[in-house]
Amino acid sequence: MLLSLTKGQNRAEVEQGGNRNVAQVTLKQLLEAGVHFGHQTSRWNPKMRTYIFTARNGIHIIDLQKTVRL
């Protein structure tokens, strides 16, 4: 199936017929799910620099405050 996206739409919105029923995720939920753990520091993509908070034990830690805003 070929999808054509308009500016400001993502794939899920197009597949759902354009409905904007996006779940609101809290910082606490993200922490509990462990999404702040990134890849090994040796496998990082430089484009992700602004979203990386720090590195611990060879793993990048994602800045969840920036993630919640997205």
PDB file of N, CA and C in Angstrom:
ATOM      1  N   MET A   1       0.842  -1.178   0.000  1.00  0.00           N
ATOM      2  CA  MET A   1       0.000   0.000   0.000  1.00  0.00           C
ATOM      3  C   MET A   1       0.887   1.241   0.000  1.00  0.00           C
ATOM      4  N   LEU A   2       0.664   2.115  -0.919  1.00  0.00           N
ATOM      5  CA  LEU A   2       1.440   3.341  -1.020  1.00  0.00           C
ATOM      6  C   LEU A   2       0.714   4.452  -0.282  1.00  0.00           C
ATOM      7  N   LEU A   3       1.413   5.088   0.637  1.00  0.00           N
ATOM      8  CA  LEU A   3       0.831   6.173   1.424  1.00  0.00           C
ATOM      9  C   LEU A   3       1.411   7.495   0.966  1.00  0.00           C
ATOM     10  N   SER A   4       0.572   8.484   0.846  1.00  0.00           N
ATOM     11  CA  SER A   4       1.101   9.813   0.560  1.00  0.00           C
ATOM     12  C   SER A   4       0.861  10.677   1.792  1.00  0.00           C
ATOM     13  N   LEU A   5       1.933  11.182   2.326  1.00  0.00           N
ATOM     14  CA  LEU A   5       1.867  11.986   3.539  1.00  0.00           C
ATOM     15  C   LEU A   5       1.824  13.457   3.179  1.00  0.00           C
ATOM     16  N   THR A   6       0.966  14.180   3.845  1.00  0.00           N
ATOM     17  CA  THR A   6       0.969  15.623   3.689  1.00  0.00           C
ATOM     18  C   THR A   6       1.808  16.211   4.802  1.00  0.00           C
ATOM     19  N   LYS A   7       2.193  17.458   4.659  1.00  0.00           N
ATOM     20  CA  LYS A   7       3.026  18.099   5.663  1.00  0.00           C
ATOM     21  C   LYS A   7       2.316  18.067   7.014  1.00  0.00           C
ATOM     22  N   GLY A   8       3.021  17.593   8.037  1.00  0.00           N
ATOM     23  CA  GLY A   8       2.466  17.545   9.381  1.00  0.00           C
ATOM     24  C   GLY A   8       1.779  16.228   9.720  1.00  0.00           C
ATOM     25  N   GLN A   9       1.692  15.284   8.776  1.00  0.00           N
ATOM     26  CA  GLN A   9       1.082  13.989   9.055  1.00  0.00           C
ATOM     27  C   GLN A   9       2.166  12.942   9.195  1.00  0.00           C
ATOM     28  N   ASN A  10       1.908  11.958  10.049  1.00  0.00           N
ATOM     29  CA  ASN A  10       2.823  10.833  10.113  1.00  0.00           C
ATOM     30  C   ASN A  10       2.112   9.603   9.563  1.00  0.00           C
ATOM     31  N   ARG A  11       2.835   8.523   9.409  1.00  0.00           N
ATOM     32  CA  ARG A  11       2.296   7.309   8.788  1.00  0.00           C
ATOM     33  C   ARG A  11       1.080   6.774   9.535  1.00  0.00           C
ATOM     34  N   ALA A  12       1.115   6.757  10.857  1.00  0.00           N
ATOM     35  CA  ALA A  12       0.000   6.229  11.645  1.00  0.00           C
ATOM     36  C   ALA A  12      -1.272   7.037  11.408  1.00  0.00           C
ATOM     37  N   GLU A  13      -1.141   8.347  11.275  1.00  0.00           N
ATOM     38  CA  GLU A  13      -2.312   9.196  11.041  1.00  0.00           C
ATOM     39  C   GLU A  13      -2.943   8.891   9.688  1.00  0.00           C
ATOM     40  N   VAL A  14      -2.125   8.662   8.689  1.00  0.00           N
ATOM     41  CA  VAL A  14      -2.644   8.372   7.359  1.00  0.00           C
ATOM     42  C   VAL A  14      -3.338   7.013   7.362  1.00  0.00           C
ATOM     43  N   GLU A  15      -2.724   6.013   8.022  1.00  0.00           N
ATOM     44  CA  GLU A  15      -3.319   4.684   8.074  1.00  0.00           C
ATOM     45  C   GLU A  15      -4.632   4.687   8.844  1.00  0.00           C
ATOM     46  N   GLN A  16      -4.797   5.584   9.810  1.00  0.00           N
ATOM     47  CA  GLN A  16      -6.020   5.664  10.594  1.00  0.00           C
ATOM     48  C   GLN A  16      -7.024   6.629   9.966  1.00  0.00           C
ATOM     49  N   GLY A  17      -6.761   7.075   8.787  1.00  0.00           N
ATOM     50  CA  GLY A  17      -7.674   7.994   8.138  1.00  0.00           C
ATOM     51  C   GLY A  17      -7.496   9.422   8.595  1.00  0.00           C
ATOM     52  N   GLY A  18      -6.356   9.752   9.154  1.00  0.00           N
ATOM     53  CA  GLY A  18      -6.076  11.125   9.548  1.00  0.00           C
ATOM     54  C   GLY A  18      -6.515  11.488  10.952  1.00  0.00           C
ATOM     55  N   ASN A  19      -7.044  10.541  11.710  1.00  0.00           N
ATOM     56  CA  ASN A  19      -7.444  10.849  13.088  1.00  0.00           C
ATOM     57  C   ASN A  19      -6.228  11.173  13.933  1.00  0.00           C
ATOM     58  N   ARG A  20      -6.351  12.145  14.783  1.00  0.00           N
ATOM     59  CA  ARG A  20      -5.244  12.527  15.656  1.00  0.00           C
ATOM     60  C   ARG A  20      -5.493  12.025  17.073  1.00  0.00           C
ATOM     61  N   ASN A  21      -5.765  10.734  17.205  1.00  0.00           N
ATOM     62  CA  ASN A  21      -5.956  10.121  18.513  1.00  0.00           C
ATOM     63  C   ASN A  21      -4.609   9.644  19.033  1.00  0.00           C
ATOM     64  N   VAL A  22      -3.765  10.575  19.400  1.00  0.00           N
ATOM     65  CA  VAL A  22      -2.425  10.267  19.864  1.00  0.00           C
ATOM     66  C   VAL A  22      -2.454  10.173  21.384  1.00  0.00           C
ATOM     67  N   ALA A  23      -1.915   9.084  21.908  1.00  0.00           N
ATOM     68  CA  ALA A  23      -1.894   8.889  23.354  1.00  0.00           C
ATOM     69  C   ALA A  23      -0.918   9.863  23.998  1.00  0.00           C
ATOM     70  N   GLN A  24      -1.313  10.447  25.108  1.00  0.00           N
ATOM     71  CA  GLN A  24      -0.440  11.332  25.862  1.00  0.00           C
ATOM     72  C   GLN A  24       0.424  10.478  26.788  1.00  0.00           C
ATOM     73  N   VAL A  25       1.728  10.626  26.674  1.00  0.00           N
ATOM     74  CA  VAL A  25       2.668   9.844  27.463  1.00  0.00           C
ATOM     75  C   VAL A  25       3.342  10.768  28.457  1.00  0.00           C
ATOM     76  N   THR A  26       3.460  10.305  29.702  1.00  0.00           N
ATOM     77  CA  THR A  26       4.087  11.122  30.732  1.00  0.00           C
ATOM     78  C   THR A  26       5.549  10.726  30.899  1.00  0.00           C
ATOM     79  N   LEU A  27       6.296  11.602  31.527  1.00  0.00           N
ATOM     80  CA  LEU A  27       7.704  11.342  31.813  1.00  0.00           C
ATOM     81  C   LEU A  27       7.843  10.105  32.697  1.00  0.00           C
ATOM     82  N   LYS A  28       6.954   9.959  33.664  1.00  0.00           N
ATOM     83  CA  LYS A  28       6.987   8.803  34.569  1.00  0.00           C
ATOM     84  C   LYS A  28       6.788   7.499  33.796  1.00  0.00           C
ATOM     85  N   GLN A  29       5.851   7.487  32.850  1.00  0.00           N
ATOM     86  CA  GLN A  29       5.603   6.290  32.049  1.00  0.00           C
ATOM     87  C   GLN A  29       6.817   5.928  31.200  1.00  0.00           C
ATOM     88  N   LEU A  30       7.481   6.931  30.655  1.00  0.00           N
ATOM     89  CA  LEU A  30       8.677   6.675  29.857  1.00  0.00           C
ATOM     90  C   LEU A  30       9.788   6.082  30.713  1.00  0.00           C
ATOM     91  N   LEU A  31       9.978   6.617  31.917  1.00  0.00           N
ATOM     92  CA  LEU A  31      11.002   6.086  32.821  1.00  0.00           C
ATOM     93  C   LEU A  31      10.699   4.646  33.209  1.00  0.00           C
ATOM     94  N   GLU A  32       9.436   4.371  33.552  1.00  0.00           N
ATOM     95  CA  GLU A  32       9.051   3.020  33.950  1.00  0.00           C
ATOM     96  C   GLU A  32       9.233   2.023  32.813  1.00  0.00           C
ATOM     97  N   ALA A  33       9.049   2.467  31.583  1.00  0.00           N
ATOM     98  CA  ALA A  33       9.207   1.597  30.416  1.00  0.00           C
ATOM     99  C   ALA A  33      10.677   1.406  30.039  1.00  0.00           C
ATOM    100  N   GLY A  34      11.554   2.225  30.600  1.00  0.00           N
ATOM    101  CA  GLY A  34      12.985   2.090  30.330  1.00  0.00           C
ATOM    102  C   GLY A  34      13.419   2.630  28.983  1.00  0.00           C
ATOM    103  N   VAL A  35      12.634   3.534  28.415  1.00  0.00           N
ATOM    104  CA  VAL A  35      12.982   4.046  27.089  1.00  0.00           C
ATOM    105  C   VAL A  35      14.162   5.009  27.117  1.00  0.00           C
ATOM    106  N   HIS A  36      14.621   5.378  28.303  1.00  0.00           N
ATOM    107  CA  HIS A  36      15.744   6.309  28.389  1.00  0.00           C
ATOM    108  C   HIS A  36      17.081   5.624  28.123  1.00  0.00           C
ATOM    109  N   PHE A  37      17.096   4.291  28.079  1.00  0.00           N
ATOM    110  CA  PHE A  37      18.327   3.578  27.779  1.00  0.00           C
ATOM    111  C   PHE A  37      18.508   3.507  26.271  1.00  0.00           C
ATOM    112  N   GLY A  38      19.625   4.048  25.802  1.00  0.00           N
ATOM    113  CA  GLY A  38      19.899   4.057  24.371  1.00  0.00           C
ATOM    114  C   GLY A  38      20.835   2.930  23.978  1.00  0.00           C
ATOM    115  N   HIS A  39      21.531   3.117  22.874  1.00  0.00           N
ATOM    116  CA  HIS A  39      22.482   2.131  22.372  1.00  0.00           C
ATOM    117  C   HIS A  39      23.827   2.277  23.071  1.00  0.00           C
ATOM    118  N   GLN A  40      24.710   1.354  22.787  1.00  0.00           N
ATOM    119  CA  GLN A  40      26.075   1.454  23.275  1.00  0.00           C
ATOM    120  C   GLN A  40      26.701   2.724  22.717  1.00  0.00           C
ATOM    121  N   THR A  41      27.572   3.333  23.508  1.00  0.00           N
ATOM    122  CA  THR A  41      28.172   4.600  23.087  1.00  0.00           C
ATOM    123  C   THR A  41      28.985   4.449  21.805  1.00  0.00           C
ATOM    124  N   SER A  42      29.488   3.268  21.530  1.00  0.00           N
ATOM    125  CA  SER A  42      30.280   3.063  20.310  1.00  0.00           C
ATOM    126  C   SER A  42      29.414   2.948  19.058  1.00  0.00           C
ATOM    127  N   ARG A  43      28.087   2.831  19.210  1.00  0.00           N
ATOM    128  CA  ARG A  43      27.194   2.639  18.066  1.00  0.00           C
ATOM    129  C   ARG A  43      26.245   3.816  17.856  1.00  0.00           C
ATOM    130  N   TRP A  44      26.605   4.966  18.319  1.00  0.00           N
ATOM    131  CA  TRP A  44      25.691   6.112  18.255  1.00  0.00           C
ATOM    132  C   TRP A  44      25.720   6.783  16.897  1.00  0.00           C
ATOM    133  N   ASN A  45      24.640   7.477  16.606  1.00  0.00           N
ATOM    134  CA  ASN A  45      24.527   8.260  15.381  1.00  0.00           C
ATOM    135  C   ASN A  45      24.697   9.729  15.771  1.00  0.00           C
ATOM    136  N   PRO A  46      25.641  10.441  15.173  1.00  0.00           N
ATOM    137  CA  PRO A  46      25.876  11.842  15.533  1.00  0.00           C
ATOM    138  C   PRO A  46      24.647  12.738  15.415  1.00  0.00           C
ATOM    139  N   LYS A  47      23.671  12.365  14.586  1.00  0.00           N
ATOM    140  CA  LYS A  47      22.446  13.159  14.463  1.00  0.00           C
ATOM    141  C   LYS A  47      21.616  13.131  15.747  1.00  0.00           C
ATOM    142  N   MET A  48      21.882  12.179  16.619  1.00  0.00           N
ATOM    143  CA  MET A  48      21.132  12.048  17.872  1.00  0.00           C
ATOM    144  C   MET A  48      21.755  12.843  19.013  1.00  0.00           C
ATOM    145  N   ARG A  49      22.837  13.546  18.750  1.00  0.00           N
ATOM    146  CA  ARG A  49      23.578  14.272  19.788  1.00  0.00           C
ATOM    147  C   ARG A  49      22.672  15.141  20.663  1.00  0.00           C
ATOM    148  N   THR A  50      21.729  15.850  20.078  1.00  0.00           N
ATOM    149  CA  THR A  50      20.883  16.761  20.859  1.00  0.00           C
ATOM    150  C   THR A  50      19.916  16.018  21.776  1.00  0.00           C
ATOM    151  N   TYR A  51      19.662  14.739  21.509  1.00  0.00           N
ATOM    152  CA  TYR A  51      18.714  13.965  22.315  1.00  0.00           C
ATOM    153  C   TYR A  51      19.393  13.095  23.366  1.00  0.00           C
ATOM    154  N   ILE A  52      20.723  13.076  23.373  1.00  0.00           N
ATOM    155  CA  ILE A  52      21.458  12.272  24.349  1.00  0.00           C
ATOM    156  C   ILE A  52      21.762  13.128  25.566  1.00  0.00           C
ATOM    157  N   PHE A  53      21.326  12.652  26.728  1.00  0.00           N
ATOM    158  CA  PHE A  53      21.518  13.376  27.977  1.00  0.00           C
ATOM    159  C   PHE A  53      22.926  13.158  28.514  1.00  0.00           C
ATOM    160  N   THR A  54      23.350  11.907  28.609  1.00  0.00           N
ATOM    161  CA  THR A  54      24.674  11.558  29.116  1.00  0.00           C
ATOM    162  C   THR A  54      24.983  10.120  28.723  1.00  0.00           C
ATOM    163  N   ALA A  55      26.123   9.623  29.168  1.00  0.00           N
ATOM    164  CA  ALA A  55      26.489   8.218  28.962  1.00  0.00           C
ATOM    165  C   ALA A  55      26.882   7.617  30.305  1.00  0.00           C
ATOM    166  N   ARG A  56      26.418   6.410  30.556  1.00  0.00           N
ATOM    167  CA  ARG A  56      26.765   5.690  31.788  1.00  0.00           C
ATOM    168  C   ARG A  56      27.057   4.241  31.444  1.00  0.00           C
ATOM    169  N   ASN A  57      28.172   3.746  31.946  1.00  0.00           N
ATOM    170  CA  ASN A  57      28.559   2.344  31.745  1.00  0.00           C
ATOM    171  C   ASN A  57      28.503   1.925  30.270  1.00  0.00           C
ATOM    172  N   GLY A  58      28.912   2.819  29.384  1.00  0.00           N
ATOM    173  CA  GLY A  58      28.974   2.502  27.963  1.00  0.00           C
ATOM    174  C   GLY A  58      27.645   2.559  27.231  1.00  0.00           C
ATOM    175  N   ILE A  59      26.599   3.094  27.881  1.00  0.00           N
ATOM    176  CA  ILE A  59      25.267   3.204  27.276  1.00  0.00           C
ATOM    177  C   ILE A  59      24.844   4.667  27.280  1.00  0.00           C
ATOM    178  N   HIS A  60      24.306   5.147  26.169  1.00  0.00           N
ATOM    179  CA  HIS A  60      23.780   6.508  26.133  1.00  0.00           C
ATOM    180  C   HIS A  60      22.442   6.561  26.855  1.00  0.00           C
ATOM    181  N   ILE A  61      22.218   7.634  27.583  1.00  0.00           N
ATOM    182  CA  ILE A  61      20.962   7.885  28.276  1.00  0.00           C
ATOM    183  C   ILE A  61      20.241   8.984  27.497  1.00  0.00           C
ATOM    184  N   ILE A  62      19.012   8.698  27.075  1.00  0.00           N
ATOM    185  CA  ILE A  62      18.227   9.622  26.258  1.00  0.00           C
ATOM    186  C   ILE A  62      17.594  10.690  27.141  1.00  0.00           C
ATOM    187  N   ASP A  63      17.568  11.921  26.653  1.00  0.00           N
ATOM    188  CA  ASP A  63      16.937  13.035  27.366  1.00  0.00           C
ATOM    189  C   ASP A  63      15.422  12.922  27.202  1.00  0.00           C
ATOM    190  N   LEU A  64      14.742  12.449  28.235  1.00  0.00           N
ATOM    191  CA  LEU A  64      13.303  12.205  28.148  1.00  0.00           C
ATOM    192  C   LEU A  64      12.484  13.486  28.125  1.00  0.00           C
ATOM    193  N   GLN A  65      13.009  14.566  28.658  1.00  0.00           N
ATOM    194  CA  GLN A  65      12.257  15.821  28.607  1.00  0.00           C
ATOM    195  C   GLN A  65      12.082  16.279  27.167  1.00  0.00           C
ATOM    196  N   LYS A  66      13.078  16.053  26.339  1.00  0.00           N
ATOM    197  CA  LYS A  66      12.953  16.384  24.917  1.00  0.00           C
ATOM    198  C   LYS A  66      12.029  15.391  24.218  1.00  0.00           C
ATOM    199  N   THR A  67      12.051  14.140  24.650  1.00  0.00           N
ATOM    200  CA  THR A  67      11.210  13.113  24.048  1.00  0.00           C
ATOM    201  C   THR A  67       9.741  13.369  24.334  1.00  0.00           C
ATOM    202  N   VAL A  68       9.407  13.783  25.543  1.00  0.00           N
ATOM    203  CA  VAL A  68       8.013  14.038  25.913  1.00  0.00           C
ATOM    204  C   VAL A  68       7.438  15.147  25.050  1.00  0.00           C
ATOM    205  N   ARG A  69       8.228  16.160  24.732  1.00  0.00           N
ATOM    206  CA  ARG A  69       7.757  17.279  23.905  1.00  0.00           C
ATOM    207  C   ARG A  69       7.386  16.837  22.499  1.00  0.00           C
ATOM    208  N   LEU A  70       8.057  15.802  21.978  1.00  0.00           N
ATOM    209  CA  LEU A  70       7.778  15.331  20.619  1.00  0.00           C
ATOM    210  C   LEU A  70       6.432  14.682  20.598  1.00  0.00           C
TER     211      LEU A  70
END
